[in-house]
Amino acid sequence: MINRRTLLTTSLAAAALGTPALAQRKTWVMPEDYKPRIINLQGDLPAGEVHVDPRAFALYWTLPEGKAIRYTCGIGRAGLYESGTFHVGAKKHWPSWTPTQDMIKRDPASYKQFEDGMPGGPNNPLGARALYLFTPGKGDTFLRIHGTSAPWTIASAVSNGCVRLTNAHIAHLYQQVPEGTKVVLH
């Protein structure tokens, strides 16, 4: 019999395995504790929200009945992680990417060559999917929850402020999260 638990478990198993279409360009074996799993939440968070705990390198997609799917994530390096409350203002499949002017100023050797942008694809730093974070007064914040072509960088603080997941995990989360979803970066 198919019920919600069976459906969630099956979909989590698929996300943990990844898919050939979202294959990474280098061989990397994901540690077992990095794989998504359903957990019991401590506290009372409504279902249908995204919460990121930077100290634990954890992204939580909240579910009914005090549960959540926990994904291991990478975060912004020191001074670049921006906590706050946002909403998903846009979703992109194989998004294009253009470094911000601040990124180019901080590291021109790495980013100047991409100032006109880069099309979506397996070598793009935003990976397979991206959730664009907006605020009511500002609109697009240039913060993203996105995949990565470098999955070995999850569980570390290396990005320019975005939250990153493996490509398989962002593809799974992307299917769950509608535009307008509340996102809290703690």
N, C-alpha and C. Protein backbone atom coordinates (compact mmCIF):
# COMPACT_ATOMS: atom_id res chain seq x y z
N MET A 1 0.84 -1.17 0.00
CA MET A 1 0.00 0.00 0.00
C MET A 1 0.88 1.24 0.00
N ILE A 2 0.57 2.18 -0.86
CA ILE A 2 1.35 3.41 -0.93
C ILE A 2 0.72 4.43 0.01
N ASN A 3 1.53 4.92 0.94
CA ASN A 3 1.10 5.99 1.82
C ASN A 3 2.18 7.08 1.81
N ARG A 4 1.97 8.14 2.58
CA ARG A 4 2.91 9.26 2.57
C ARG A 4 4.30 8.83 3.03
N ARG A 5 4.38 7.98 4.05
CA ARG A 5 5.67 7.53 4.55
C ARG A 5 6.43 6.74 3.48
N THR A 6 5.74 5.84 2.78
CA THR A 6 6.37 5.07 1.71
C THR A 6 6.85 5.99 0.59
N LEU A 7 6.01 6.93 0.22
CA LEU A 7 6.37 7.87 -0.84
C LEU A 7 7.60 8.69 -0.45
N LEU A 8 7.62 9.23 0.78
CA LEU A 8 8.76 10.02 1.24
C LEU A 8 10.03 9.18 1.32
N THR A 9 9.92 7.98 1.86
CA THR A 9 11.09 7.12 1.99
C THR A 9 11.65 6.77 0.62
N THR A 10 10.79 6.43 -0.32
CA THR A 10 11.24 6.10 -1.67
C THR A 10 11.90 7.29 -2.34
N SER A 11 11.31 8.46 -2.17
CA SER A 11 11.88 9.64 -2.81
C SER A 11 13.19 10.04 -2.16
N LEU A 12 13.33 9.84 -0.85
CA LEU A 12 14.61 10.11 -0.18
C LEU A 12 15.68 9.14 -0.65
N ALA A 13 15.31 7.89 -0.82
CA ALA A 13 16.28 6.91 -1.30
C ALA A 13 16.77 7.29 -2.69
N ALA A 14 15.88 7.74 -3.54
CA ALA A 14 16.28 8.17 -4.89
C ALA A 14 17.20 9.37 -4.81
N ALA A 15 16.92 10.32 -3.93
CA ALA A 15 17.77 11.50 -3.78
C ALA A 15 19.14 11.12 -3.27
N ALA A 16 19.20 10.17 -2.37
CA ALA A 16 20.48 9.75 -1.80
C ALA A 16 21.36 9.07 -2.85
N LEU A 17 20.74 8.36 -3.78
CA LEU A 17 21.50 7.68 -4.82
C LEU A 17 21.95 8.62 -5.93
N GLY A 18 21.18 9.66 -6.19
CA GLY A 18 21.50 10.54 -7.31
C GLY A 18 20.99 9.93 -8.60
N THR A 19 21.19 10.64 -9.69
CA THR A 19 20.76 10.12 -10.98
C THR A 19 21.85 10.41 -12.00
N PRO A 20 21.95 9.60 -13.05
CA PRO A 20 22.96 9.86 -14.07
C PRO A 20 22.85 11.26 -14.67
N ALA A 21 21.63 11.78 -14.82
CA ALA A 21 21.46 13.11 -15.40
C ALA A 21 22.06 14.20 -14.53
N LEU A 22 22.19 13.93 -13.25
CA LEU A 22 22.75 14.92 -12.34
C LEU A 22 24.14 14.49 -11.86
N ALA A 23 24.78 13.62 -12.62
CA ALA A 23 26.08 13.11 -12.22
C ALA A 23 27.08 14.25 -12.04
N GLN A 24 27.97 14.06 -11.09
CA GLN A 24 29.01 15.05 -10.83
C GLN A 24 30.18 14.77 -11.77
N ARG A 25 30.99 15.79 -12.00
CA ARG A 25 32.08 15.62 -12.96
C ARG A 25 33.27 14.88 -12.38
N LYS A 26 33.39 14.76 -11.06
CA LYS A 26 34.47 14.01 -10.44
C LYS A 26 33.86 12.91 -9.58
N THR A 27 34.62 11.84 -9.38
CA THR A 27 34.16 10.76 -8.53
C THR A 27 34.28 11.21 -7.08
N TRP A 28 33.21 11.09 -6.36
CA TRP A 28 33.17 11.47 -4.95
C TRP A 28 32.17 10.57 -4.26
N VAL A 29 32.56 9.99 -3.16
CA VAL A 29 31.68 9.11 -2.42
C VAL A 29 31.12 9.90 -1.23
N MET A 30 29.81 10.04 -1.21
CA MET A 30 29.16 10.80 -0.15
C MET A 30 29.20 10.02 1.16
N PRO A 31 29.68 10.66 2.24
CA PRO A 31 29.61 9.99 3.54
C PRO A 31 28.16 9.67 3.90
N GLU A 32 27.95 8.57 4.55
CA GLU A 32 26.60 8.11 4.89
C GLU A 32 25.82 9.18 5.66
N ASP A 33 26.48 9.89 6.58
CA ASP A 33 25.75 10.87 7.39
C ASP A 33 25.43 12.15 6.63
N TYR A 34 25.87 12.30 5.38
CA TYR A 34 25.50 13.45 4.55
C TYR A 34 24.20 13.21 3.78
N LYS A 35 23.74 11.98 3.75
CA LYS A 35 22.56 11.65 2.95
C LYS A 35 21.30 12.19 3.62
N PRO A 36 20.29 12.60 2.82
CA PRO A 36 19.05 13.12 3.40
C PRO A 36 18.36 12.06 4.25
N ARG A 37 17.72 12.54 5.29
CA ARG A 37 16.97 11.62 6.15
C ARG A 37 15.84 12.38 6.83
N ILE A 38 14.81 11.65 7.19
CA ILE A 38 13.69 12.23 7.92
C ILE A 38 14.05 12.21 9.40
N ILE A 39 13.87 13.37 10.05
CA ILE A 39 14.19 13.50 11.47
C ILE A 39 12.96 14.04 12.22
N ASN A 40 12.98 13.89 13.52
CA ASN A 40 12.00 14.54 14.39
C ASN A 40 12.56 15.89 14.77
N LEU A 41 11.77 16.94 14.60
CA LEU A 41 12.21 18.29 14.93
C LEU A 41 12.16 18.53 16.43
N GLN A 42 13.08 19.35 16.90
CA GLN A 42 13.01 19.85 18.27
C GLN A 42 12.44 21.25 18.16
N GLY A 43 11.27 21.46 18.65
CA GLY A 43 10.61 22.75 18.49
C GLY A 43 9.38 22.61 17.63
N ASP A 44 8.69 23.72 17.47
CA ASP A 44 7.41 23.70 16.78
C ASP A 44 7.50 24.56 15.53
N LEU A 45 7.91 23.98 14.42
CA LEU A 45 7.98 24.69 13.15
C LEU A 45 6.86 24.20 12.25
N PRO A 46 6.19 25.12 11.55
CA PRO A 46 5.12 24.69 10.65
C PRO A 46 5.68 23.91 9.46
N ALA A 47 4.87 23.02 8.93
CA ALA A 47 5.26 22.27 7.73
C ALA A 47 5.36 23.22 6.55
N GLY A 48 6.24 22.89 5.61
CA GLY A 48 6.33 23.65 4.37
C GLY A 48 7.27 24.84 4.44
N GLU A 49 8.28 24.78 5.30
CA GLU A 49 9.28 25.84 5.39
C GLU A 49 10.67 25.25 5.22
N VAL A 50 11.62 26.10 4.84
CA VAL A 50 13.02 25.73 4.75
C VAL A 50 13.76 26.47 5.86
N HIS A 51 14.56 25.74 6.63
CA HIS A 51 15.38 26.34 7.69
C HIS A 51 16.80 25.84 7.51
N VAL A 52 17.77 26.76 7.63
CA VAL A 52 19.18 26.41 7.51
C VAL A 52 19.86 26.71 8.84
N ASP A 53 20.52 25.70 9.40
CA ASP A 53 21.33 25.85 10.61
C ASP A 53 22.79 25.83 10.18
N PRO A 54 23.45 27.00 10.12
CA PRO A 54 24.81 27.05 9.59
C PRO A 54 25.83 26.32 10.47
N ARG A 55 25.60 26.26 11.77
CA ARG A 55 26.56 25.58 12.65
C ARG A 55 26.56 24.08 12.40
N ALA A 56 25.42 23.54 12.01
CA ALA A 56 25.31 22.10 11.77
C ALA A 56 25.45 21.74 10.29
N PHE A 57 25.63 22.76 9.42
CA PHE A 57 25.64 22.53 7.97
C PHE A 57 24.42 21.71 7.56
N ALA A 58 23.26 22.16 8.05
CA ALA A 58 22.02 21.40 7.83
C ALA A 58 20.93 22.31 7.27
N LEU A 59 20.24 21.79 6.26
CA LEU A 59 19.05 22.42 5.71
C LEU A 59 17.89 21.50 6.03
N TYR A 60 16.81 22.07 6.56
CA TYR A 60 15.63 21.30 6.93
C TYR A 60 14.43 21.74 6.10
N TRP A 61 13.77 20.78 5.47
CA TRP A 61 12.49 21.01 4.80
C TRP A 61 11.45 20.44 5.76
N THR A 62 10.65 21.32 6.37
CA THR A 62 9.74 20.88 7.42
C THR A 62 8.52 20.16 6.85
N LEU A 63 8.14 19.11 7.56
CA LEU A 63 7.03 18.24 7.18
C LEU A 63 5.95 18.30 8.27
N PRO A 64 4.78 17.76 8.00
CA PRO A 64 3.75 17.68 9.05
C PRO A 64 4.22 16.80 10.22
N GLU A 65 3.52 16.92 11.31
CA GLU A 65 3.72 16.07 12.49
C GLU A 65 5.10 16.21 13.12
N GLY A 66 5.68 17.43 13.06
CA GLY A 66 6.95 17.68 13.75
C GLY A 66 8.16 16.98 13.14
N LYS A 67 8.11 16.72 11.86
CA LYS A 67 9.22 16.05 11.18
C LYS A 67 9.83 16.98 10.13
N ALA A 68 10.99 16.61 9.63
CA ALA A 68 11.65 17.37 8.57
C ALA A 68 12.57 16.44 7.81
N ILE A 69 12.86 16.82 6.57
CA ILE A 69 13.93 16.15 5.83
C ILE A 69 15.18 16.99 6.08
N ARG A 70 16.24 16.33 6.54
CA ARG A 70 17.50 17.01 6.80
C ARG A 70 18.47 16.72 5.66
N TYR A 71 18.97 17.78 5.05
CA TYR A 71 19.99 17.68 4.00
C TYR A 71 21.28 18.30 4.55
N THR A 72 22.41 17.72 4.24
CA THR A 72 23.69 18.36 4.57
C THR A 72 23.96 19.42 3.52
N CYS A 73 24.38 20.60 3.96
CA CYS A 73 24.58 21.71 3.04
C CYS A 73 25.92 22.39 3.28
N GLY A 74 26.36 23.14 2.29
CA GLY A 74 27.48 24.06 2.44
C GLY A 74 26.91 25.46 2.60
N ILE A 75 27.68 26.33 3.22
CA ILE A 75 27.20 27.70 3.48
C ILE A 75 28.26 28.72 3.08
N GLY A 76 27.91 29.99 3.23
CA GLY A 76 28.83 31.08 2.94
C GLY A 76 30.00 31.10 3.91
N ARG A 77 31.17 31.45 3.40
CA ARG A 77 32.34 31.53 4.28
C ARG A 77 32.21 32.71 5.23
N ALA A 78 33.10 32.78 6.19
CA ALA A 78 33.04 33.80 7.25
C ALA A 78 32.83 35.19 6.65
N GLY A 79 31.86 35.90 7.20
CA GLY A 79 31.56 37.25 6.76
C GLY A 79 30.62 37.34 5.57
N LEU A 80 30.31 36.21 4.92
CA LEU A 80 29.45 36.23 3.74
C LEU A 80 28.11 35.54 3.95
N TYR A 81 27.97 34.76 5.01
CA TYR A 81 26.68 34.12 5.30
C TYR A 81 25.74 35.19 5.84
N GLU A 82 24.55 35.27 5.26
CA GLU A 82 23.58 36.31 5.64
C GLU A 82 22.34 35.67 6.24
N SER A 83 22.21 35.78 7.57
CA SER A 83 21.02 35.23 8.20
C SER A 83 19.82 36.14 7.94
N GLY A 84 18.64 35.58 8.05
CA GLY A 84 17.43 36.37 7.85
C GLY A 84 16.27 35.50 7.39
N THR A 85 15.14 36.16 7.17
CA THR A 85 13.94 35.49 6.69
C THR A 85 13.68 35.94 5.25
N PHE A 86 13.48 34.98 4.39
CA PHE A 86 13.34 35.21 2.95
C PHE A 86 12.14 34.41 2.46
N HIS A 87 11.88 34.51 1.17
CA HIS A 87 10.93 33.60 0.53
C HIS A 87 11.50 33.22 -0.84
N VAL A 88 11.05 32.07 -1.33
CA VAL A 88 11.49 31.62 -2.66
C VAL A 88 10.75 32.47 -3.68
N GLY A 89 11.49 33.34 -4.36
CA GLY A 89 10.89 34.24 -5.34
C GLY A 89 10.95 33.72 -6.76
N ALA A 90 11.83 32.75 -6.99
CA ALA A 90 11.96 32.14 -8.32
C ALA A 90 12.64 30.79 -8.16
N LYS A 91 12.40 29.91 -9.13
CA LYS A 91 13.03 28.59 -9.19
C LYS A 91 13.57 28.42 -10.60
N LYS A 92 14.80 27.92 -10.70
CA LYS A 92 15.40 27.73 -12.03
C LYS A 92 16.01 26.33 -12.16
N HIS A 93 15.76 25.74 -13.31
CA HIS A 93 16.29 24.43 -13.70
C HIS A 93 17.56 24.69 -14.50
N TRP A 94 18.69 24.12 -14.14
CA TRP A 94 19.99 24.38 -14.76
C TRP A 94 20.17 25.89 -14.98
N PRO A 95 20.22 26.65 -13.89
CA PRO A 95 20.25 28.12 -13.99
C PRO A 95 21.56 28.64 -14.58
N SER A 96 21.44 29.77 -15.25
CA SER A 96 22.65 30.48 -15.68
C SER A 96 23.22 31.19 -14.44
N TRP A 97 24.44 31.69 -14.54
CA TRP A 97 25.09 32.31 -13.39
C TRP A 97 25.96 33.47 -13.85
N THR A 98 25.89 34.54 -13.11
CA THR A 98 26.77 35.69 -13.30
C THR A 98 27.27 36.10 -11.92
N PRO A 99 28.60 36.20 -11.73
CA PRO A 99 29.09 36.62 -10.41
C PRO A 99 28.66 38.05 -10.12
N THR A 100 28.43 38.34 -8.85
CA THR A 100 28.09 39.71 -8.46
C THR A 100 29.33 40.59 -8.57
N GLN A 101 29.12 41.90 -8.61
CA GLN A 101 30.26 42.83 -8.63
C GLN A 101 31.12 42.66 -7.38
N ASP A 102 30.51 42.39 -6.24
CA ASP A 102 31.29 42.15 -5.01
C ASP A 102 32.18 40.92 -5.15
N MET A 103 31.68 39.87 -5.78
CA MET A 103 32.50 38.67 -5.99
C MET A 103 33.69 38.99 -6.88
N ILE A 104 33.46 39.75 -7.94
CA ILE A 104 34.54 40.11 -8.86
C ILE A 104 35.58 40.97 -8.14
N LYS A 105 35.13 41.90 -7.31
CA LYS A 105 36.07 42.74 -6.54
C LYS A 105 36.89 41.92 -5.55
N ARG A 106 36.24 40.96 -4.87
CA ARG A 106 36.94 40.13 -3.88
C ARG A 106 37.97 39.22 -4.52
N ASP A 107 37.66 38.68 -5.69
CA ASP A 107 38.54 37.68 -6.30
C ASP A 107 38.48 37.78 -7.83
N PRO A 108 39.09 38.85 -8.39
CA PRO A 108 39.01 39.03 -9.84
C PRO A 108 39.62 37.87 -10.63
N ALA A 109 40.65 37.23 -10.11
CA ALA A 109 41.28 36.13 -10.83
C ALA A 109 40.30 34.97 -11.06
N SER A 110 39.40 34.77 -10.12
CA SER A 110 38.43 33.67 -10.25
C SER A 110 37.17 34.06 -11.00
N TYR A 111 36.73 35.33 -10.86
CA TYR A 111 35.40 35.69 -11.33
C TYR A 111 35.33 36.64 -12.50
N LYS A 112 36.35 37.42 -12.77
CA LYS A 112 36.31 38.42 -13.85
C LYS A 112 35.96 37.77 -15.19
N GLN A 113 36.52 36.60 -15.44
CA GLN A 113 36.30 35.91 -16.72
C GLN A 113 34.83 35.55 -16.95
N PHE A 114 34.02 35.54 -15.88
CA PHE A 114 32.61 35.18 -15.99
C PHE A 114 31.68 36.38 -15.84
N GLU A 115 32.21 37.60 -15.92
CA GLU A 115 31.39 38.79 -15.65
C GLU A 115 30.21 38.93 -16.61
N ASP A 116 30.28 38.31 -17.78
CA ASP A 116 29.15 38.35 -18.72
C ASP A 116 28.22 37.15 -18.55
N GLY A 117 28.52 36.30 -17.57
CA GLY A 117 27.65 35.18 -17.26
C GLY A 117 28.13 33.86 -17.81
N MET A 118 27.48 32.81 -17.35
CA MET A 118 27.78 31.44 -17.75
C MET A 118 26.45 30.72 -17.91
N PRO A 119 26.27 30.01 -19.03
CA PRO A 119 25.00 29.28 -19.19
C PRO A 119 24.88 28.14 -18.19
N GLY A 120 23.66 27.70 -17.96
CA GLY A 120 23.44 26.56 -17.09
C GLY A 120 24.06 25.30 -17.67
N GLY A 121 24.39 24.37 -16.81
CA GLY A 121 24.98 23.11 -17.24
C GLY A 121 25.80 22.50 -16.13
N PRO A 122 26.36 21.33 -16.36
CA PRO A 122 27.05 20.60 -15.30
C PRO A 122 28.28 21.30 -14.72
N ASN A 123 28.89 22.24 -15.44
CA ASN A 123 30.06 22.94 -14.91
C ASN A 123 29.71 24.27 -14.26
N ASN A 124 28.45 24.64 -14.29
CA ASN A 124 28.00 25.91 -13.71
C ASN A 124 28.02 25.81 -12.18
N PRO A 125 28.53 26.83 -11.47
CA PRO A 125 28.60 26.76 -10.01
C PRO A 125 27.25 26.64 -9.31
N LEU A 126 26.15 27.01 -9.98
CA LEU A 126 24.83 26.88 -9.34
C LEU A 126 24.26 25.47 -9.47
N GLY A 127 24.92 24.62 -10.23
CA GLY A 127 24.48 23.24 -10.33
C GLY A 127 23.17 23.05 -11.06
N ALA A 128 22.47 21.99 -10.70
CA ALA A 128 21.30 21.51 -11.43
C ALA A 128 20.03 22.34 -11.22
N ARG A 129 19.86 22.93 -10.05
CA ARG A 129 18.65 23.69 -9.72
C ARG A 129 19.03 24.82 -8.78
N ALA A 130 18.18 25.85 -8.74
CA ALA A 130 18.39 26.94 -7.78
C ALA A 130 17.06 27.50 -7.32
N LEU A 131 17.00 27.78 -6.03
CA LEU A 131 15.89 28.50 -5.42
C LEU A 131 16.41 29.90 -5.12
N TYR A 132 15.76 30.91 -5.68
CA TYR A 132 16.21 32.30 -5.55
C TYR A 132 15.52 32.93 -4.34
N LEU A 133 16.31 33.48 -3.44
CA LEU A 133 15.78 34.04 -2.20
C LEU A 133 15.50 35.52 -2.34
N PHE A 134 14.27 35.89 -2.00
CA PHE A 134 13.79 37.27 -2.11
C PHE A 134 13.36 37.76 -0.72
N THR A 135 13.30 39.08 -0.56
CA THR A 135 12.67 39.70 0.61
C THR A 135 11.62 40.68 0.09
N PRO A 136 10.58 40.96 0.90
CA PRO A 136 9.52 41.85 0.43
C PRO A 136 10.01 43.24 0.01
N GLY A 137 10.89 43.85 0.76
CA GLY A 137 11.31 45.21 0.44
C GLY A 137 12.39 45.29 -0.61
N LYS A 138 13.20 44.26 -0.74
CA LYS A 138 14.38 44.29 -1.60
C LYS A 138 14.20 43.51 -2.90
N GLY A 139 13.32 42.55 -2.91
CA GLY A 139 13.22 41.67 -4.07
C GLY A 139 14.34 40.65 -4.04
N ASP A 140 14.97 40.42 -5.18
CA ASP A 140 16.04 39.43 -5.29
C ASP A 140 17.24 39.85 -4.45
N THR A 141 17.64 38.97 -3.54
CA THR A 141 18.78 39.26 -2.65
C THR A 141 20.10 38.76 -3.23
N PHE A 142 20.08 38.04 -4.34
CA PHE A 142 21.23 37.37 -4.94
C PHE A 142 21.71 36.19 -4.10
N LEU A 143 20.98 35.85 -3.05
CA LEU A 143 21.25 34.63 -2.29
C LEU A 143 20.46 33.50 -2.94
N ARG A 144 21.05 32.32 -2.94
CA ARG A 144 20.43 31.15 -3.56
C ARG A 144 20.60 29.93 -2.67
N ILE A 145 19.70 29.00 -2.83
CA ILE A 145 19.92 27.62 -2.39
C ILE A 145 20.06 26.87 -3.70
N HIS A 146 21.23 26.29 -3.93
CA HIS A 146 21.51 25.73 -5.25
C HIS A 146 22.34 24.47 -5.17
N GLY A 147 22.46 23.81 -6.30
CA GLY A 147 23.31 22.64 -6.42
C GLY A 147 24.76 23.07 -6.55
N THR A 148 25.62 22.11 -6.78
CA THR A 148 27.03 22.43 -6.97
C THR A 148 27.70 21.40 -7.87
N SER A 149 28.64 21.86 -8.65
CA SER A 149 29.46 20.96 -9.47
C SER A 149 30.63 20.43 -8.65
N ALA A 150 30.72 20.83 -7.37
CA ALA A 150 31.79 20.39 -6.46
C ALA A 150 31.15 19.85 -5.18
N PRO A 151 30.55 18.65 -5.23
CA PRO A 151 29.79 18.15 -4.09
C PRO A 151 30.62 17.95 -2.83
N TRP A 152 31.91 17.78 -2.96
CA TRP A 152 32.78 17.59 -1.80
C TRP A 152 32.87 18.86 -0.95
N THR A 153 32.29 19.99 -1.43
CA THR A 153 32.32 21.24 -0.66
C THR A 153 31.12 21.38 0.29
N ILE A 154 30.17 20.44 0.25
CA ILE A 154 29.09 20.54 1.23
C ILE A 154 29.68 20.22 2.60
N ALA A 155 28.98 20.62 3.63
CA ALA A 155 29.45 20.48 5.02
C ALA A 155 30.67 21.36 5.28
N SER A 156 30.76 22.47 4.54
CA SER A 156 31.84 23.43 4.77
C SER A 156 31.36 24.84 4.45
N ALA A 157 32.12 25.82 4.92
CA ALA A 157 31.78 27.23 4.69
C ALA A 157 32.73 27.77 3.63
N VAL A 158 32.34 27.64 2.36
CA VAL A 158 33.23 28.03 1.26
C VAL A 158 32.58 28.94 0.22
N SER A 159 31.27 29.12 0.29
CA SER A 159 30.60 29.86 -0.79
C SER A 159 30.65 31.37 -0.56
N ASN A 160 30.13 32.09 -1.52
CA ASN A 160 30.05 33.55 -1.45
C ASN A 160 28.77 34.01 -0.75
N GLY A 161 28.14 33.14 0.00
CA GLY A 161 26.95 33.50 0.76
C GLY A 161 25.78 32.56 0.54
N CYS A 162 25.79 31.84 -0.55
CA CYS A 162 24.69 30.93 -0.87
C CYS A 162 24.76 29.65 -0.04
N VAL A 163 23.64 28.93 -0.04
CA VAL A 163 23.56 27.61 0.57
C VAL A 163 23.62 26.61 -0.58
N ARG A 164 24.49 25.62 -0.46
CA ARG A 164 24.64 24.65 -1.55
C ARG A 164 24.34 23.23 -1.07
N LEU A 165 23.75 22.47 -1.98
CA LEU A 165 23.47 21.05 -1.78
C LEU A 165 24.09 20.29 -2.95
N THR A 166 24.19 18.97 -2.83
CA THR A 166 24.60 18.21 -4.01
C THR A 166 23.51 18.37 -5.07
N ASN A 167 23.86 18.13 -6.31
CA ASN A 167 22.87 18.27 -7.39
C ASN A 167 21.67 17.35 -7.19
N ALA A 168 21.89 16.12 -6.76
CA ALA A 168 20.76 15.21 -6.53
C ALA A 168 19.86 15.72 -5.41
N HIS A 169 20.46 16.29 -4.38
CA HIS A 169 19.65 16.76 -3.25
C HIS A 169 18.88 18.04 -3.58
N ILE A 170 19.50 18.96 -4.33
CA ILE A 170 18.74 20.17 -4.71
C ILE A 170 17.61 19.78 -5.67
N ALA A 171 17.83 18.79 -6.53
CA ALA A 171 16.76 18.36 -7.44
C ALA A 171 15.59 17.80 -6.63
N HIS A 172 15.88 17.06 -5.57
CA HIS A 172 14.83 16.52 -4.71
C HIS A 172 14.11 17.65 -3.97
N LEU A 173 14.86 18.56 -3.36
CA LEU A 173 14.25 19.68 -2.63
C LEU A 173 13.43 20.56 -3.56
N TYR A 174 13.96 20.81 -4.75
CA TYR A 174 13.31 21.66 -5.75
C TYR A 174 11.89 21.18 -6.05
N GLN A 175 11.72 19.86 -6.12
CA GLN A 175 10.40 19.27 -6.40
C GLN A 175 9.42 19.52 -5.26
N GLN A 176 9.93 19.65 -4.04
CA GLN A 176 9.07 19.80 -2.86
C GLN A 176 8.64 21.24 -2.62
N VAL A 177 9.52 22.20 -2.93
CA VAL A 177 9.38 23.58 -2.48
C VAL A 177 8.72 24.45 -3.54
N PRO A 178 7.52 24.98 -3.27
CA PRO A 178 6.89 25.89 -4.24
C PRO A 178 7.41 27.32 -4.09
N GLU A 179 7.24 28.12 -5.14
CA GLU A 179 7.54 29.54 -5.02
C GLU A 179 6.69 30.12 -3.90
N GLY A 180 7.26 31.09 -3.19
CA GLY A 180 6.57 31.71 -2.07
C GLY A 180 6.91 31.08 -0.73
N THR A 181 7.59 29.93 -0.74
CA THR A 181 7.93 29.24 0.51
C THR A 181 8.81 30.12 1.39
N LYS A 182 8.52 30.11 2.68
CA LYS A 182 9.34 30.82 3.67
C LYS A 182 10.67 30.09 3.86
N VAL A 183 11.76 30.86 3.88
CA VAL A 183 13.11 30.33 4.09
C VAL A 183 13.75 31.13 5.22
N VAL A 184 14.26 30.43 6.22
CA VAL A 184 14.94 31.10 7.33
C VAL A 184 16.38 30.62 7.37
N LEU A 185 17.30 31.56 7.19
CA LEU A 185 18.72 31.28 7.37
C LEU A 185 19.07 31.73 8.78
N HIS A 186 19.26 30.80 9.68
CA HIS A 186 19.49 31.10 11.11
C HIS A 186 20.90 31.61 11.34
